[in-house]
Amino acid sequence: MLEDGLQPLGFAPDSRPYRPHLTLGRVRSGRNRMELTKLLEQTSCAATPNSADRLALMKSELTPHGPIHTILYASGH
């Protein structure tokens, strides 16, 4: 595991649980937020092996202390 290889180099392991994710795009403006919300509501995530069981629209606010992630919309679990 990558984390095991980095510990001897002085990198502390992350205490947060691992949550794999895929960034499909970024929206810089909330101008068309309602249209995007409607599109996401019409999108389904059919669960199959190796697929996602949830779709989440996240807001990432970059700050000097690190990013702040906020869920704006979530489907599934």
PDB file of N, CA and C in Angstrom:
ATOM      1  N   MET A   1       0.827  -1.161   0.000  1.00  0.00           N
ATOM      2  CA  MET A   1       0.000   0.000   0.000  1.00  0.00           C
ATOM      3  C   MET A   1       0.889   1.248   0.000  1.00  0.00           C
ATOM      4  N   LEU A   2       0.484   2.262  -0.717  1.00  0.00           N
ATOM      5  CA  LEU A   2       1.281   3.478  -0.833  1.00  0.00           C
ATOM      6  C   LEU A   2       1.568   4.099   0.533  1.00  0.00           C
ATOM      7  N   GLU A   3       0.542   4.112   1.382  1.00  0.00           N
ATOM      8  CA  GLU A   3       0.689   4.709   2.717  1.00  0.00           C
ATOM      9  C   GLU A   3       1.818   4.032   3.508  1.00  0.00           C
ATOM     10  N   ASP A   4       1.924   2.709   3.407  1.00  0.00           N
ATOM     11  CA  ASP A   4       2.978   1.978   4.117  1.00  0.00           C
ATOM     12  C   ASP A   4       4.370   2.379   3.628  1.00  0.00           C
ATOM     13  N   GLY A   5       4.484   2.641   2.344  1.00  0.00           N
ATOM     14  CA  GLY A   5       5.770   3.045   1.789  1.00  0.00           C
ATOM     15  C   GLY A   5       6.163   4.462   2.155  1.00  0.00           C
ATOM     16  N   LEU A   6       5.168   5.310   2.435  1.00  0.00           N
ATOM     17  CA  LEU A   6       5.463   6.705   2.750  1.00  0.00           C
ATOM     18  C   LEU A   6       5.760   6.945   4.224  1.00  0.00           C
ATOM     19  N   GLN A   7       5.293   6.070   5.095  1.00  0.00           N
ATOM     20  CA  GLN A   7       5.532   6.254   6.534  1.00  0.00           C
ATOM     21  C   GLN A   7       7.014   6.317   6.884  1.00  0.00           C
ATOM     22  N   PRO A   8       7.865   5.429   6.358  1.00  0.00           N
ATOM     23  CA  PRO A   8       9.286   5.526   6.691  1.00  0.00           C
ATOM     24  C   PRO A   8       9.936   6.825   6.214  1.00  0.00           C
ATOM     25  N   LEU A   9       9.291   7.511   5.280  1.00  0.00           N
ATOM     26  CA  LEU A   9       9.821   8.778   4.774  1.00  0.00           C
ATOM     27  C   LEU A   9       9.329   9.976   5.583  1.00  0.00           C
ATOM     28  N   GLY A  10       8.553   9.697   6.641  1.00  0.00           N
ATOM     29  CA  GLY A  10       8.104  10.770   7.508  1.00  0.00           C
ATOM     30  C   GLY A  10       6.688  11.255   7.272  1.00  0.00           C
ATOM     31  N   PHE A  11       5.951  10.607   6.368  1.00  0.00           N
ATOM     32  CA  PHE A  11       4.570  10.989   6.109  1.00  0.00           C
ATOM     33  C   PHE A  11       3.642  10.215   7.037  1.00  0.00           C
ATOM     34  N   ALA A  12       2.868  10.940   7.818  1.00  0.00           N
ATOM     35  CA  ALA A  12       1.935  10.293   8.748  1.00  0.00           C
ATOM     36  C   ALA A  12       0.731   9.751   7.976  1.00  0.00           C
ATOM     37  N   PRO A  13       0.212   8.599   8.405  1.00  0.00           N
ATOM     38  CA  PRO A  13      -0.973   8.066   7.729  1.00  0.00           C
ATOM     39  C   PRO A  13      -2.176   8.975   7.971  1.00  0.00           C
ATOM     40  N   ASP A  14      -3.074   9.018   7.009  1.00  0.00           N
ATOM     41  CA  ASP A  14      -4.284   9.834   7.121  1.00  0.00           C
ATOM     42  C   ASP A  14      -5.266   9.137   8.054  1.00  0.00           C
ATOM     43  N   SER A  15      -5.821   9.875   8.991  1.00  0.00           N
ATOM     44  CA  SER A  15      -6.752   9.284   9.957  1.00  0.00           C
ATOM     45  C   SER A  15      -8.176   9.188   9.409  1.00  0.00           C
ATOM     46  N   ARG A  16      -8.441   9.862   8.295  1.00  0.00           N
ATOM     47  CA  ARG A  16      -9.789   9.830   7.720  1.00  0.00           C
ATOM     48  C   ARG A  16      -9.996   8.538   6.929  1.00  0.00           C
ATOM     49  N   PRO A  17     -11.221   8.029   6.906  1.00  0.00           N
ATOM     50  CA  PRO A  17     -11.477   6.826   6.105  1.00  0.00           C
ATOM     51  C   PRO A  17     -11.351   7.135   4.619  1.00  0.00           C
ATOM     52  N   TYR A  18     -10.898   6.157   3.857  1.00  0.00           N
ATOM     53  CA  TYR A  18     -10.739   6.322   2.414  1.00  0.00           C
ATOM     54  C   TYR A  18     -12.109   6.289   1.750  1.00  0.00           C
ATOM     55  N   ARG A  19     -12.413   7.285   0.942  1.00  0.00           N
ATOM     56  CA  ARG A  19     -13.669   7.354   0.201  1.00  0.00           C
ATOM     57  C   ARG A  19     -13.327   7.601  -1.261  1.00  0.00           C
ATOM     58  N   PRO A  20     -13.271   6.546  -2.057  1.00  0.00           N
ATOM     59  CA  PRO A  20     -12.934   6.739  -3.470  1.00  0.00           C
ATOM     60  C   PRO A  20     -13.980   7.605  -4.148  1.00  0.00           C
ATOM     61  N   HIS A  21     -13.541   8.416  -5.090  1.00  0.00           N
ATOM     62  CA  HIS A  21     -14.449   9.287  -5.816  1.00  0.00           C
ATOM     63  C   HIS A  21     -13.887   9.564  -7.204  1.00  0.00           C
ATOM     64  N   LEU A  22     -14.731  10.076  -8.042  1.00  0.00           N
ATOM     65  CA  LEU A  22     -14.349  10.423  -9.400  1.00  0.00           C
ATOM     66  C   LEU A  22     -14.898  11.811  -9.686  1.00  0.00           C
ATOM     67  N   THR A  23     -14.043  12.735 -10.023  1.00  0.00           N
ATOM     68  CA  THR A  23     -14.480  14.082 -10.377  1.00  0.00           C
ATOM     69  C   THR A  23     -14.758  14.094 -11.875  1.00  0.00           C
ATOM     70  N   LEU A  24     -16.024  14.310 -12.229  1.00  0.00           N
ATOM     71  CA  LEU A  24     -16.407  14.327 -13.638  1.00  0.00           C
ATOM     72  C   LEU A  24     -16.344  15.719 -14.232  1.00  0.00           C
ATOM     73  N   GLY A  25     -16.409  16.720 -13.397  1.00  0.00           N
ATOM     74  CA  GLY A  25     -16.346  18.091 -13.901  1.00  0.00           C
ATOM     75  C   GLY A  25     -16.432  19.077 -12.760  1.00  0.00           C
ATOM     76  N   ARG A  26     -16.172  20.303 -13.084  1.00  0.00           N
ATOM     77  CA  ARG A  26     -16.254  21.374 -12.101  1.00  0.00           C
ATOM     78  C   ARG A  26     -17.113  22.484 -12.682  1.00  0.00           C
ATOM     79  N   VAL A  27     -17.937  23.073 -11.838  1.00  0.00           N
ATOM     80  CA  VAL A  27     -18.792  24.181 -12.233  1.00  0.00           C
ATOM     81  C   VAL A  27     -18.301  25.414 -11.494  1.00  0.00           C
ATOM     82  N   ARG A  28     -17.932  26.426 -12.206  1.00  0.00           N
ATOM     83  CA  ARG A  28     -17.374  27.623 -11.583  1.00  0.00           C
ATOM     84  C   ARG A  28     -18.444  28.626 -11.164  1.00  0.00           C
ATOM     85  N   SER A  29     -19.632  28.501 -11.712  1.00  0.00           N
ATOM     86  CA  SER A  29     -20.689  29.466 -11.413  1.00  0.00           C
ATOM     87  C   SER A  29     -21.973  28.727 -11.073  1.00  0.00           C
ATOM     88  N   GLY A  30     -22.778  29.291 -10.180  1.00  0.00           N
ATOM     89  CA  GLY A  30     -24.074  28.711  -9.842  1.00  0.00           C
ATOM     90  C   GLY A  30     -25.182  29.210 -10.748  1.00  0.00           C
ATOM     91  N   ARG A  31     -24.824  29.830 -11.850  1.00  0.00           N
ATOM     92  CA  ARG A  31     -25.781  30.458 -12.759  1.00  0.00           C
ATOM     93  C   ARG A  31     -26.854  29.489 -13.248  1.00  0.00           C
ATOM     94  N   ASN A  32     -26.494  28.266 -13.591  1.00  0.00           N
ATOM     95  CA  ASN A  32     -27.447  27.282 -14.121  1.00  0.00           C
ATOM     96  C   ASN A  32     -27.694  26.153 -13.134  1.00  0.00           C
ATOM     97  N   ARG A  33     -27.666  26.455 -11.859  1.00  0.00           N
ATOM     98  CA  ARG A  33     -27.773  25.437 -10.811  1.00  0.00           C
ATOM     99  C   ARG A  33     -29.078  24.644 -10.901  1.00  0.00           C
ATOM    100  N   MET A  34     -30.201  25.293 -11.146  1.00  0.00           N
ATOM    101  CA  MET A  34     -31.489  24.598 -11.202  1.00  0.00           C
ATOM    102  C   MET A  34     -31.534  23.613 -12.376  1.00  0.00           C
ATOM    103  N   GLU A  35     -31.002  24.007 -13.519  1.00  0.00           N
ATOM    104  CA  GLU A  35     -30.971  23.112 -14.675  1.00  0.00           C
ATOM    105  C   GLU A  35     -30.101  21.895 -14.397  1.00  0.00           C
ATOM    106  N   LEU A  36     -28.973  22.110 -13.748  1.00  0.00           N
ATOM    107  CA  LEU A  36     -28.089  20.997 -13.397  1.00  0.00           C
ATOM    108  C   LEU A  36     -28.757  20.077 -12.387  1.00  0.00           C
ATOM    109  N   THR A  37     -29.452  20.640 -11.412  1.00  0.00           N
ATOM    110  CA  THR A  37     -30.167  19.831 -10.422  1.00  0.00           C
ATOM    111  C   THR A  37     -31.229  18.974 -11.094  1.00  0.00           C
ATOM    112  N   LYS A  38     -31.976  19.533 -12.031  1.00  0.00           N
ATOM    113  CA  LYS A  38     -33.004  18.771 -12.754  1.00  0.00           C
ATOM    114  C   LYS A  38     -32.369  17.632 -13.548  1.00  0.00           C
ATOM    115  N   LEU A  39     -31.252  17.899 -14.190  1.00  0.00           N
ATOM    116  CA  LEU A  39     -30.558  16.866 -14.954  1.00  0.00           C
ATOM    117  C   LEU A  39     -30.107  15.730 -14.050  1.00  0.00           C
ATOM    118  N   LEU A  40     -29.562  16.067 -12.886  1.00  0.00           N
ATOM    119  CA  LEU A  40     -29.108  15.036 -11.957  1.00  0.00           C
ATOM    120  C   LEU A  40     -30.274  14.217 -11.414  1.00  0.00           C
ATOM    121  N   GLU A  41     -31.411  14.843 -11.197  1.00  0.00           N
ATOM    122  CA  GLU A  41     -32.585  14.118 -10.711  1.00  0.00           C
ATOM    123  C   GLU A  41     -33.078  13.112 -11.742  1.00  0.00           C
ATOM    124  N   GLN A  42     -32.843  13.363 -13.015  1.00  0.00           N
ATOM    125  CA  GLN A  42     -33.273  12.460 -14.085  1.00  0.00           C
ATOM    126  C   GLN A  42     -32.248  11.367 -14.370  1.00  0.00           C
ATOM    127  N   THR A  43     -31.077  11.470 -13.772  1.00  0.00           N
ATOM    128  CA  THR A  43     -29.997  10.513 -14.008  1.00  0.00           C
ATOM    129  C   THR A  43     -30.098   9.380 -12.992  1.00  0.00           C
ATOM    130  N   SER A  44     -30.011   8.159 -13.472  1.00  0.00           N
ATOM    131  CA  SER A  44     -30.071   7.021 -12.549  1.00  0.00           C
ATOM    132  C   SER A  44     -28.700   6.368 -12.441  1.00  0.00           C
ATOM    133  N   CYS A  45     -28.461   5.754 -11.301  1.00  0.00           N
ATOM    134  CA  CYS A  45     -27.240   4.987 -11.057  1.00  0.00           C
ATOM    135  C   CYS A  45     -27.669   3.555 -10.785  1.00  0.00           C
ATOM    136  N   ALA A  46     -27.751   2.747 -11.816  1.00  0.00           N
ATOM    137  CA  ALA A  46     -28.110   1.347 -11.644  1.00  0.00           C
ATOM    138  C   ALA A  46     -26.915   0.605 -11.059  1.00  0.00           C
ATOM    139  N   ALA A  47     -27.113  -0.058  -9.930  1.00  0.00           N
ATOM    140  CA  ALA A  47     -26.025  -0.760  -9.260  1.00  0.00           C
ATOM    141  C   ALA A  47     -25.717  -2.074  -9.970  1.00  0.00           C
ATOM    142  N   THR A  48     -24.496  -2.217 -10.415  1.00  0.00           N
ATOM    143  CA  THR A  48     -23.985  -3.443 -11.011  1.00  0.00           C
ATOM    144  C   THR A  48     -22.608  -3.665 -10.397  1.00  0.00           C
ATOM    145  N   PRO A  49     -22.028  -4.853 -10.576  1.00  0.00           N
ATOM    146  CA  PRO A  49     -20.682  -5.058 -10.032  1.00  0.00           C
ATOM    147  C   PRO A  49     -19.729  -3.960 -10.507  1.00  0.00           C
ATOM    148  N   ASN A  50     -18.942  -3.449  -9.582  1.00  0.00           N
ATOM    149  CA  ASN A  50     -17.954  -2.405  -9.870  1.00  0.00           C
ATOM    150  C   ASN A  50     -18.571  -1.099 -10.341  1.00  0.00           C
ATOM    151  N   SER A  51     -19.757  -0.801  -9.878  1.00  0.00           N
ATOM    152  CA  SER A  51     -20.362   0.473 -10.238  1.00  0.00           C
ATOM    153  C   SER A  51     -20.636   1.287  -8.983  1.00  0.00           C
ATOM    154  N   ALA A  52     -20.992   2.521  -9.187  1.00  0.00           N
ATOM    155  CA  ALA A  52     -21.310   3.402  -8.060  1.00  0.00           C
ATOM    156  C   ALA A  52     -22.748   3.151  -7.619  1.00  0.00           C
ATOM    157  N   ASP A  53     -22.982   3.180  -6.318  1.00  0.00           N
ATOM    158  CA  ASP A  53     -24.341   3.028  -5.802  1.00  0.00           C
ATOM    159  C   ASP A  53     -24.903   4.372  -5.362  1.00  0.00           C
ATOM    160  N   ARG A  54     -24.159   5.448  -5.631  1.00  0.00           N
ATOM    161  CA  ARG A  54     -24.581   6.774  -5.207  1.00  0.00           C
ATOM    162  C   ARG A  54     -23.975   7.824  -6.132  1.00  0.00           C
ATOM    163  N   LEU A  55     -24.708   8.883  -6.339  1.00  0.00           N
ATOM    164  CA  LEU A  55     -24.223  10.018  -7.113  1.00  0.00           C
ATOM    165  C   LEU A  55     -24.330  11.239  -6.214  1.00  0.00           C
ATOM    166  N   ALA A  56     -23.262  11.981  -6.078  1.00  0.00           N
ATOM    167  CA  ALA A  56     -23.277  13.166  -5.227  1.00  0.00           C
ATOM    168  C   ALA A  56     -22.690  14.344  -5.989  1.00  0.00           C
ATOM    169  N   LEU A  57     -23.366  15.468  -5.885  1.00  0.00           N
ATOM    170  CA  LEU A  57     -22.858  16.714  -6.425  1.00  0.00           C
ATOM    171  C   LEU A  57     -22.228  17.461  -5.259  1.00  0.00           C
ATOM    172  N   MET A  58     -20.928  17.690  -5.363  1.00  0.00           N
ATOM    173  CA  MET A  58     -20.176  18.279  -4.254  1.00  0.00           C
ATOM    174  C   MET A  58     -19.716  19.684  -4.606  1.00  0.00           C
ATOM    175  N   LYS A  59     -19.689  20.524  -3.598  1.00  0.00           N
ATOM    176  CA  LYS A  59     -19.085  21.847  -3.711  1.00  0.00           C
ATOM    177  C   LYS A  59     -17.744  21.767  -2.995  1.00  0.00           C
ATOM    178  N   SER A  60     -16.681  22.158  -3.667  1.00  0.00           N
ATOM    179  CA  SER A  60     -15.353  22.189  -3.066  1.00  0.00           C
ATOM    180  C   SER A  60     -14.909  23.636  -2.977  1.00  0.00           C
ATOM    181  N   GLU A  61     -14.784  24.122  -1.771  1.00  0.00           N
ATOM    182  CA  GLU A  61     -14.320  25.489  -1.554  1.00  0.00           C
ATOM    183  C   GLU A  61     -12.870  25.415  -1.095  1.00  0.00           C
ATOM    184  N   LEU A  62     -11.985  25.986  -1.890  1.00  0.00           N
ATOM    185  CA  LEU A  62     -10.565  25.952  -1.558  1.00  0.00           C
ATOM    186  C   LEU A  62     -10.251  27.087  -0.592  1.00  0.00           C
ATOM    187  N   THR A  63      -9.643  26.728   0.542  1.00  0.00           N
ATOM    188  CA  THR A  63      -9.265  27.712   1.546  1.00  0.00           C
ATOM    189  C   THR A  63      -7.782  27.545   1.854  1.00  0.00           C
ATOM    190  N   PRO A  64      -7.166  28.520   2.515  1.00  0.00           N
ATOM    191  CA  PRO A  64      -5.750  28.374   2.887  1.00  0.00           C
ATOM    192  C   PRO A  64      -5.492  27.188   3.817  1.00  0.00           C
ATOM    193  N   HIS A  65      -6.547  26.702   4.516  1.00  0.00           N
ATOM    194  CA  HIS A  65      -6.396  25.581   5.444  1.00  0.00           C
ATOM    195  C   HIS A  65      -6.784  24.245   4.807  1.00  0.00           C
ATOM    196  N   GLY A  66      -7.050  24.250   3.521  1.00  0.00           N
ATOM    197  CA  GLY A  66      -7.443  23.038   2.822  1.00  0.00           C
ATOM    198  C   GLY A  66      -8.856  23.163   2.292  1.00  0.00           C
ATOM    199  N   PRO A  67      -9.275  22.218   1.446  1.00  0.00           N
ATOM    200  CA  PRO A  67     -10.604  22.309   0.840  1.00  0.00           C
ATOM    201  C   PRO A  67     -11.715  21.991   1.834  1.00  0.00           C
ATOM    202  N   ILE A  68     -12.856  22.619   1.625  1.00  0.00           N
ATOM    203  CA  ILE A  68     -14.063  22.320   2.383  1.00  0.00           C
ATOM    204  C   ILE A  68     -15.067  21.739   1.395  1.00  0.00           C
ATOM    205  N   HIS A  69     -15.480  20.493   1.635  1.00  0.00           N
ATOM    206  CA  HIS A  69     -16.391  19.801   0.722  1.00  0.00           C
ATOM    207  C   HIS A  69     -17.795  19.793   1.315  1.00  0.00           C
ATOM    208  N   THR A  70     -18.776  20.186   0.508  1.00  0.00           N
ATOM    209  CA  THR A  70     -20.172  20.236   0.928  1.00  0.00           C
ATOM    210  C   THR A  70     -21.014  19.480  -0.090  1.00  0.00           C
ATOM    211  N   ILE A  71     -21.891  18.589   0.380  1.00  0.00           N
ATOM    212  CA  ILE A  71     -22.794  17.866  -0.522  1.00  0.00           C
ATOM    213  C   ILE A  71     -23.965  18.786  -0.862  1.00  0.00           C
ATOM    214  N   LEU A  72     -24.157  19.043  -2.167  1.00  0.00           N
ATOM    215  CA  LEU A  72     -25.281  19.860  -2.622  1.00  0.00           C
ATOM    216  C   LEU A  72     -26.460  18.994  -3.028  1.00  0.00           C
ATOM    217  N   TYR A  73     -26.181  17.786  -3.519  1.00  0.00           N
ATOM    218  CA  TYR A  73     -27.216  16.857  -3.964  1.00  0.00           C
ATOM    219  C   TYR A  73     -26.665  15.445  -3.836  1.00  0.00           C
ATOM    220  N   ALA A  74     -27.493  14.505  -3.420  1.00  0.00           N
ATOM    221  CA  ALA A  74     -27.064  13.105  -3.333  1.00  0.00           C
ATOM    222  C   ALA A  74     -28.222  12.205  -3.688  1.00  0.00           C
ATOM    223  N   SER A  75     -27.959  11.177  -4.486  1.00  0.00           N
ATOM    224  CA  SER A  75     -28.947  10.153  -4.786  1.00  0.00           C
ATOM    225  C   SER A  75     -28.403   8.818  -4.282  1.00  0.00           C
ATOM    226  N   GLY A  76     -29.258   7.852  -4.116  1.00  0.00           N
ATOM    227  CA  GLY A  76     -28.810   6.547  -3.628  1.00  0.00           C
ATOM    228  C   GLY A  76     -28.806   6.517  -2.127  1.00  0.00           C
ATOM    229  N   HIS A  77     -27.829   5.859  -1.557  1.00  0.00           N
ATOM    230  CA  HIS A  77     -27.755   5.660  -0.098  1.00  0.00           C
ATOM    231  C   HIS A  77     -27.568   6.949   0.652  1.00  0.00           C
TER     232      HIS A  77
END
